[in-house]
Amino acid sequence: MLDALGAHHATGLQAFSQAYGQMCARAPVPYAGCAFCQAKCLYRYEVAQLVKDKALERDFVGTIQNTSDDQEMWVRLAQVCQEAARRAIQVENEAAIKAVALCYAAQMGPELNFSSASQRKMVKSVQNVLGVQ
């Protein structure tokens, strides 16, 4: 029954998905770190819930505070972001996980009251570790 329903609405869902993606691409970026995102606002609302997760915040802040080597810190932050991404989306698509991880980094900066410059540096560094272009 679900297959029949999905097949019946496939064209409409595809059109909606394309229109939504185009609108998101043209929208102004909500946070400074979003300047590096290729999937602007596609995951914003799912990730917003995770930004409030105190355990993830503890891991994120702890990584920044307790890692003395910058390169190691960026790698560990990228891992925390990927853990958050895997909570947000339940798929085994590495490109999607990396996009959501980058979104998480972009939203954590303002949540932690980082300056705009620090937000951009953090997201760019996590992006480099993840290999996202």
N, C-alpha and C. Protein backbone atom coordinates (compact mmCIF):
# COMPACT_ATOMS: atom_id res chain seq x y z
N MET A 1 0.82 -1.19 0.00
CA MET A 1 0.00 0.00 0.00
C MET A 1 0.87 1.26 0.00
N LEU A 2 1.91 1.25 0.83
CA LEU A 2 2.80 2.41 0.87
C LEU A 2 3.53 2.60 -0.45
N ASP A 3 3.91 1.50 -1.08
CA ASP A 3 4.58 1.60 -2.38
C ASP A 3 3.66 2.25 -3.41
N ALA A 4 2.41 1.86 -3.40
CA ALA A 4 1.44 2.44 -4.34
C ALA A 4 1.23 3.92 -4.06
N LEU A 5 1.17 4.27 -2.79
CA LEU A 5 1.00 5.68 -2.41
C LEU A 5 2.22 6.49 -2.83
N GLY A 6 3.40 5.94 -2.57
CA GLY A 6 4.64 6.61 -2.96
C GLY A 6 4.73 6.80 -4.46
N ALA A 7 4.38 5.77 -5.21
CA ALA A 7 4.42 5.84 -6.68
C ALA A 7 3.42 6.88 -7.19
N HIS A 8 2.27 6.94 -6.56
CA HIS A 8 1.23 7.88 -6.98
C HIS A 8 1.68 9.33 -6.79
N HIS A 9 2.45 9.60 -5.75
CA HIS A 9 2.85 10.97 -5.44
C HIS A 9 4.31 11.27 -5.77
N ALA A 10 5.00 10.37 -6.41
CA ALA A 10 6.44 10.53 -6.69
C ALA A 10 6.73 11.80 -7.47
N THR A 11 5.95 12.10 -8.48
CA THR A 11 6.20 13.29 -9.30
C THR A 11 6.03 14.56 -8.47
N GLY A 12 4.98 14.62 -7.69
CA GLY A 12 4.73 15.79 -6.84
C GLY A 12 5.80 15.96 -5.78
N LEU A 13 6.25 14.85 -5.18
CA LEU A 13 7.31 14.92 -4.18
C LEU A 13 8.62 15.38 -4.79
N GLN A 14 8.93 14.90 -5.98
CA GLN A 14 10.15 15.31 -6.67
C GLN A 14 10.10 16.80 -6.99
N ALA A 15 8.97 17.29 -7.44
CA ALA A 15 8.83 18.71 -7.76
C ALA A 15 8.99 19.55 -6.50
N PHE A 16 8.36 19.10 -5.40
CA PHE A 16 8.49 19.83 -4.13
C PHE A 16 9.95 19.85 -3.68
N SER A 17 10.62 18.71 -3.76
CA SER A 17 12.01 18.62 -3.33
C SER A 17 12.90 19.58 -4.12
N GLN A 18 12.71 19.63 -5.41
CA GLN A 18 13.51 20.54 -6.25
C GLN A 18 13.21 22.01 -5.92
N ALA A 19 11.93 22.36 -5.77
CA ALA A 19 11.56 23.74 -5.45
C ALA A 19 12.11 24.15 -4.09
N TYR A 20 12.03 23.25 -3.11
CA TYR A 20 12.54 23.54 -1.77
C TYR A 20 14.05 23.76 -1.81
N GLY A 21 14.76 22.90 -2.52
CA GLY A 21 16.21 23.04 -2.65
C GLY A 21 16.59 24.36 -3.30
N GLN A 22 15.87 24.78 -4.31
CA GLN A 22 16.15 26.05 -4.98
C GLN A 22 15.89 27.24 -4.06
N MET A 23 14.81 27.17 -3.28
CA MET A 23 14.52 28.26 -2.35
C MET A 23 15.59 28.35 -1.27
N CYS A 24 16.02 27.21 -0.76
CA CYS A 24 17.06 27.20 0.27
C CYS A 24 18.37 27.76 -0.27
N ALA A 25 18.69 27.43 -1.50
CA ALA A 25 19.95 27.89 -2.10
C ALA A 25 19.97 29.42 -2.24
N ARG A 26 18.81 30.02 -2.44
CA ARG A 26 18.74 31.48 -2.60
C ARG A 26 18.56 32.23 -1.29
N ALA A 27 18.22 31.53 -0.24
CA ALA A 27 17.95 32.17 1.05
C ALA A 27 19.24 32.72 1.65
N PRO A 28 19.15 33.84 2.38
CA PRO A 28 20.34 34.34 3.06
C PRO A 28 20.78 33.35 4.14
N VAL A 29 22.07 33.31 4.39
CA VAL A 29 22.57 32.34 5.39
C VAL A 29 22.21 32.82 6.79
N PRO A 30 21.74 31.91 7.65
CA PRO A 30 21.32 32.31 9.00
C PRO A 30 22.49 32.52 9.97
N TYR A 31 23.62 31.83 9.74
CA TYR A 31 24.76 31.93 10.65
C TYR A 31 26.03 32.15 9.83
N ALA A 32 27.02 32.75 10.45
CA ALA A 32 28.26 33.09 9.73
C ALA A 32 28.91 31.86 9.10
N GLY A 33 28.92 30.73 9.79
CA GLY A 33 29.55 29.52 9.28
C GLY A 33 28.83 28.90 8.10
N CYS A 34 27.60 29.30 7.88
CA CYS A 34 26.82 28.75 6.77
C CYS A 34 27.36 29.18 5.40
N ALA A 35 28.27 30.12 5.39
CA ALA A 35 28.85 30.58 4.13
C ALA A 35 29.55 29.44 3.39
N PHE A 36 29.97 28.40 4.10
CA PHE A 36 30.70 27.29 3.49
C PHE A 36 29.80 26.11 3.13
N CYS A 37 28.54 26.21 3.41
CA CYS A 37 27.61 25.09 3.24
C CYS A 37 27.09 25.02 1.80
N GLN A 38 27.09 23.81 1.26
CA GLN A 38 26.52 23.59 -0.07
C GLN A 38 25.06 23.14 -0.01
N ALA A 39 24.58 22.81 1.19
CA ALA A 39 23.21 22.33 1.37
C ALA A 39 22.46 23.29 2.29
N LYS A 40 22.53 24.58 1.97
CA LYS A 40 21.99 25.61 2.84
C LYS A 40 20.56 25.31 3.29
N CYS A 41 20.41 25.21 4.59
CA CYS A 41 19.14 25.09 5.30
C CYS A 41 18.35 23.82 4.99
N LEU A 42 18.96 22.85 4.33
CA LEU A 42 18.24 21.60 4.11
C LEU A 42 18.10 20.81 5.40
N TYR A 43 19.01 21.03 6.35
CA TYR A 43 19.00 20.27 7.60
C TYR A 43 18.86 21.17 8.83
N ARG A 44 18.61 22.42 8.62
CA ARG A 44 18.62 23.41 9.70
C ARG A 44 17.73 23.03 10.87
N TYR A 45 16.53 22.61 10.59
CA TYR A 45 15.56 22.37 11.66
C TYR A 45 15.84 21.06 12.40
N GLU A 46 16.30 20.05 11.69
CA GLU A 46 16.67 18.79 12.35
C GLU A 46 17.87 19.01 13.28
N VAL A 47 18.84 19.78 12.80
CA VAL A 47 20.06 20.03 13.58
C VAL A 47 19.79 20.96 14.76
N ALA A 48 18.86 21.87 14.63
CA ALA A 48 18.56 22.82 15.72
C ALA A 48 18.22 22.09 17.01
N GLN A 49 17.56 20.95 16.91
CA GLN A 49 17.24 20.18 18.10
C GLN A 49 18.49 19.62 18.78
N LEU A 50 19.46 19.21 17.97
CA LEU A 50 20.69 18.64 18.51
C LEU A 50 21.60 19.68 19.15
N VAL A 51 21.51 20.89 18.69
CA VAL A 51 22.33 21.96 19.25
C VAL A 51 21.98 22.18 20.73
N LYS A 52 20.78 21.83 21.11
CA LYS A 52 20.33 21.97 22.50
C LYS A 52 20.70 20.76 23.37
N ASP A 53 21.24 19.71 22.76
CA ASP A 53 21.60 18.49 23.48
C ASP A 53 22.84 18.76 24.35
N LYS A 54 22.68 18.68 25.65
CA LYS A 54 23.77 19.02 26.59
C LYS A 54 24.94 18.04 26.52
N ALA A 55 24.68 16.77 26.25
CA ALA A 55 25.77 15.80 26.15
C ALA A 55 26.65 16.11 24.93
N LEU A 56 26.01 16.41 23.79
CA LEU A 56 26.78 16.77 22.60
C LEU A 56 27.53 18.08 22.82
N GLU A 57 26.88 19.04 23.48
CA GLU A 57 27.55 20.31 23.76
C GLU A 57 28.77 20.08 24.66
N ARG A 58 28.61 19.22 25.65
CA ARG A 58 29.73 18.90 26.54
C ARG A 58 30.90 18.31 25.74
N ASP A 59 30.61 17.40 24.84
CA ASP A 59 31.65 16.79 24.01
C ASP A 59 32.31 17.83 23.11
N PHE A 60 31.49 18.71 22.54
CA PHE A 60 31.98 19.75 21.63
C PHE A 60 32.90 20.71 22.37
N VAL A 61 32.41 21.25 23.47
CA VAL A 61 33.19 22.22 24.26
C VAL A 61 34.42 21.55 24.87
N GLY A 62 34.24 20.33 25.37
CA GLY A 62 35.36 19.60 25.96
C GLY A 62 36.48 19.37 24.96
N THR A 63 36.12 19.10 23.72
CA THR A 63 37.12 18.92 22.67
C THR A 63 37.92 20.20 22.47
N ILE A 64 37.24 21.31 22.44
CA ILE A 64 37.92 22.60 22.26
C ILE A 64 38.83 22.90 23.45
N GLN A 65 38.33 22.67 24.64
CA GLN A 65 39.07 23.03 25.85
C GLN A 65 40.22 22.08 26.15
N ASN A 66 40.10 20.81 25.80
CA ASN A 66 41.06 19.80 26.24
C ASN A 66 42.01 19.29 25.16
N THR A 67 41.96 19.86 23.99
CA THR A 67 42.85 19.41 22.91
C THR A 67 43.84 20.53 22.61
N SER A 68 45.12 20.27 22.88
CA SER A 68 46.13 21.33 22.73
C SER A 68 46.59 21.52 21.29
N ASP A 69 46.56 20.46 20.50
CA ASP A 69 47.00 20.56 19.10
C ASP A 69 45.82 20.96 18.22
N ASP A 70 45.97 22.04 17.46
CA ASP A 70 44.87 22.55 16.63
C ASP A 70 44.36 21.51 15.63
N GLN A 71 45.28 20.86 14.91
CA GLN A 71 44.84 19.89 13.90
C GLN A 71 44.07 18.73 14.53
N GLU A 72 44.55 18.26 15.67
CA GLU A 72 43.85 17.19 16.37
C GLU A 72 42.47 17.67 16.84
N MET A 73 42.39 18.94 17.29
CA MET A 73 41.11 19.48 17.74
C MET A 73 40.10 19.50 16.59
N TRP A 74 40.52 19.91 15.40
CA TRP A 74 39.58 19.97 14.27
C TRP A 74 39.10 18.57 13.92
N VAL A 75 40.00 17.59 13.97
CA VAL A 75 39.61 16.21 13.68
C VAL A 75 38.59 15.72 14.71
N ARG A 76 38.84 15.99 15.96
CA ARG A 76 37.92 15.55 17.02
C ARG A 76 36.58 16.30 16.94
N LEU A 77 36.63 17.60 16.63
CA LEU A 77 35.37 18.34 16.46
C LEU A 77 34.57 17.77 15.30
N ALA A 78 35.24 17.43 14.21
CA ALA A 78 34.55 16.83 13.07
C ALA A 78 33.90 15.51 13.48
N GLN A 79 34.55 14.74 14.34
CA GLN A 79 33.97 13.48 14.82
C GLN A 79 32.72 13.74 15.67
N VAL A 80 32.77 14.73 16.53
CA VAL A 80 31.59 15.08 17.34
C VAL A 80 30.45 15.51 16.41
N CYS A 81 30.79 16.31 15.40
CA CYS A 81 29.77 16.78 14.46
C CYS A 81 29.16 15.61 13.68
N GLN A 82 29.98 14.64 13.32
CA GLN A 82 29.45 13.47 12.61
C GLN A 82 28.57 12.62 13.52
N GLU A 83 28.92 12.52 14.79
CA GLU A 83 28.07 11.80 15.74
C GLU A 83 26.70 12.48 15.82
N ALA A 84 26.71 13.80 15.90
CA ALA A 84 25.44 14.54 15.93
C ALA A 84 24.66 14.30 14.64
N ALA A 85 25.36 14.30 13.52
CA ALA A 85 24.70 14.09 12.23
C ALA A 85 24.03 12.73 12.16
N ARG A 86 24.70 11.72 12.67
CA ARG A 86 24.12 10.37 12.65
C ARG A 86 22.87 10.28 13.53
N ARG A 87 22.80 11.12 14.53
CA ARG A 87 21.57 11.17 15.34
C ARG A 87 20.44 11.86 14.58
N ALA A 88 20.82 12.86 13.79
CA ALA A 88 19.81 13.67 13.09
C ALA A 88 19.19 12.92 11.92
N ILE A 89 20.01 12.18 11.20
CA ILE A 89 19.50 11.45 10.03
C ILE A 89 19.91 10.00 10.15
N GLN A 90 19.01 9.14 9.86
CA GLN A 90 19.23 7.70 10.01
C GLN A 90 19.49 7.06 8.65
N VAL A 91 20.52 7.55 7.97
CA VAL A 91 20.88 7.00 6.67
C VAL A 91 22.37 6.68 6.65
N GLU A 92 22.77 5.82 5.74
CA GLU A 92 24.17 5.48 5.57
C GLU A 92 24.72 6.16 4.31
N ASN A 93 24.42 7.42 4.16
CA ASN A 93 24.89 8.21 3.03
C ASN A 93 25.95 9.17 3.56
N GLU A 94 27.22 8.88 3.26
CA GLU A 94 28.31 9.68 3.82
C GLU A 94 28.24 11.15 3.42
N ALA A 95 27.81 11.44 2.21
CA ALA A 95 27.70 12.84 1.78
C ALA A 95 26.66 13.58 2.62
N ALA A 96 25.54 12.95 2.88
CA ALA A 96 24.49 13.56 3.70
C ALA A 96 24.97 13.73 5.15
N ILE A 97 25.66 12.72 5.68
CA ILE A 97 26.17 12.80 7.05
C ILE A 97 27.16 13.96 7.18
N LYS A 98 28.02 14.11 6.19
CA LYS A 98 28.99 15.21 6.22
C LYS A 98 28.30 16.57 6.12
N ALA A 99 27.26 16.67 5.29
CA ALA A 99 26.52 17.93 5.15
C ALA A 99 25.83 18.29 6.47
N VAL A 100 25.24 17.29 7.12
CA VAL A 100 24.58 17.54 8.40
C VAL A 100 25.61 17.88 9.48
N ALA A 101 26.75 17.22 9.45
CA ALA A 101 27.83 17.50 10.40
C ALA A 101 28.30 18.95 10.26
N LEU A 102 28.42 19.41 9.03
CA LEU A 102 28.82 20.80 8.80
C LEU A 102 27.75 21.76 9.30
N CYS A 103 26.50 21.40 9.13
CA CYS A 103 25.39 22.21 9.63
C CYS A 103 25.44 22.29 11.16
N TYR A 104 25.75 21.17 11.79
CA TYR A 104 25.86 21.16 13.25
C TYR A 104 26.97 22.11 13.70
N ALA A 105 28.12 22.06 13.06
CA ALA A 105 29.22 22.97 13.41
C ALA A 105 28.79 24.42 13.22
N ALA A 106 28.09 24.69 12.13
CA ALA A 106 27.64 26.06 11.84
C ALA A 106 26.68 26.58 12.89
N GLN A 107 25.85 25.69 13.45
CA GLN A 107 24.89 26.12 14.45
C GLN A 107 25.46 26.14 15.87
N MET A 108 26.49 25.35 16.12
CA MET A 108 27.09 25.35 17.46
C MET A 108 27.84 26.64 17.74
N GLY A 109 28.44 27.24 16.72
CA GLY A 109 29.17 28.49 16.91
C GLY A 109 28.32 29.58 17.56
N PRO A 110 27.20 29.93 16.98
CA PRO A 110 26.36 30.95 17.60
C PRO A 110 25.74 30.49 18.93
N GLU A 111 25.47 29.19 19.05
CA GLU A 111 24.93 28.66 20.30
C GLU A 111 25.91 28.90 21.45
N LEU A 112 27.20 28.84 21.14
CA LEU A 112 28.24 29.04 22.15
C LEU A 112 28.76 30.48 22.18
N ASN A 113 28.07 31.36 21.47
CA ASN A 113 28.41 32.79 21.43
C ASN A 113 29.79 33.06 20.85
N PHE A 114 30.20 32.26 19.86
CA PHE A 114 31.46 32.52 19.18
C PHE A 114 31.30 33.74 18.28
N SER A 115 32.38 34.45 18.06
CA SER A 115 32.35 35.59 17.13
C SER A 115 32.10 35.07 15.71
N SER A 116 31.67 35.94 14.82
CA SER A 116 31.44 35.53 13.43
C SER A 116 32.71 34.97 12.81
N ALA A 117 33.85 35.61 13.08
CA ALA A 117 35.12 35.14 12.53
C ALA A 117 35.45 33.74 13.06
N SER A 118 35.22 33.51 14.34
CA SER A 118 35.48 32.19 14.92
C SER A 118 34.53 31.14 14.36
N GLN A 119 33.29 31.53 14.12
CA GLN A 119 32.32 30.60 13.52
C GLN A 119 32.80 30.17 12.14
N ARG A 120 33.20 31.15 11.33
CA ARG A 120 33.67 30.83 9.98
C ARG A 120 34.92 29.95 10.02
N LYS A 121 35.86 30.29 10.90
CA LYS A 121 37.09 29.49 11.01
C LYS A 121 36.77 28.06 11.42
N MET A 122 35.88 27.89 12.38
CA MET A 122 35.54 26.56 12.86
C MET A 122 34.88 25.73 11.76
N VAL A 123 33.91 26.30 11.09
CA VAL A 123 33.19 25.55 10.05
C VAL A 123 34.12 25.24 8.89
N LYS A 124 34.95 26.18 8.49
CA LYS A 124 35.90 25.93 7.40
C LYS A 124 36.87 24.81 7.79
N SER A 125 37.33 24.81 9.03
CA SER A 125 38.27 23.78 9.49
C SER A 125 37.60 22.41 9.54
N VAL A 126 36.38 22.34 10.04
CA VAL A 126 35.64 21.07 10.06
C VAL A 126 35.37 20.61 8.63
N GLN A 127 35.03 21.54 7.77
CA GLN A 127 34.79 21.22 6.35
C GLN A 127 36.04 20.60 5.74
N ASN A 128 37.20 21.17 6.03
CA ASN A 128 38.45 20.63 5.49
C ASN A 128 38.71 19.21 5.99
N VAL A 129 38.47 18.97 7.27
CA VAL A 129 38.67 17.63 7.82
C VAL A 129 37.72 16.63 7.18
N LEU A 130 36.48 17.03 6.98
CA LEU A 130 35.47 16.14 6.40
C LEU A 130 35.68 15.93 4.91
N GLY A 131 36.44 16.81 4.28
CA GLY A 131 36.64 16.70 2.84
C GLY A 131 35.45 17.12 2.02
N VAL A 132 34.66 18.04 2.58
CA VAL A 132 33.46 18.55 1.90
C VAL A 132 33.86 19.79 1.11
N GLN A 133 33.41 19.85 -0.13
CA GLN A 133 33.71 21.03 -0.96
C GLN A 133 32.53 21.93 -1.10
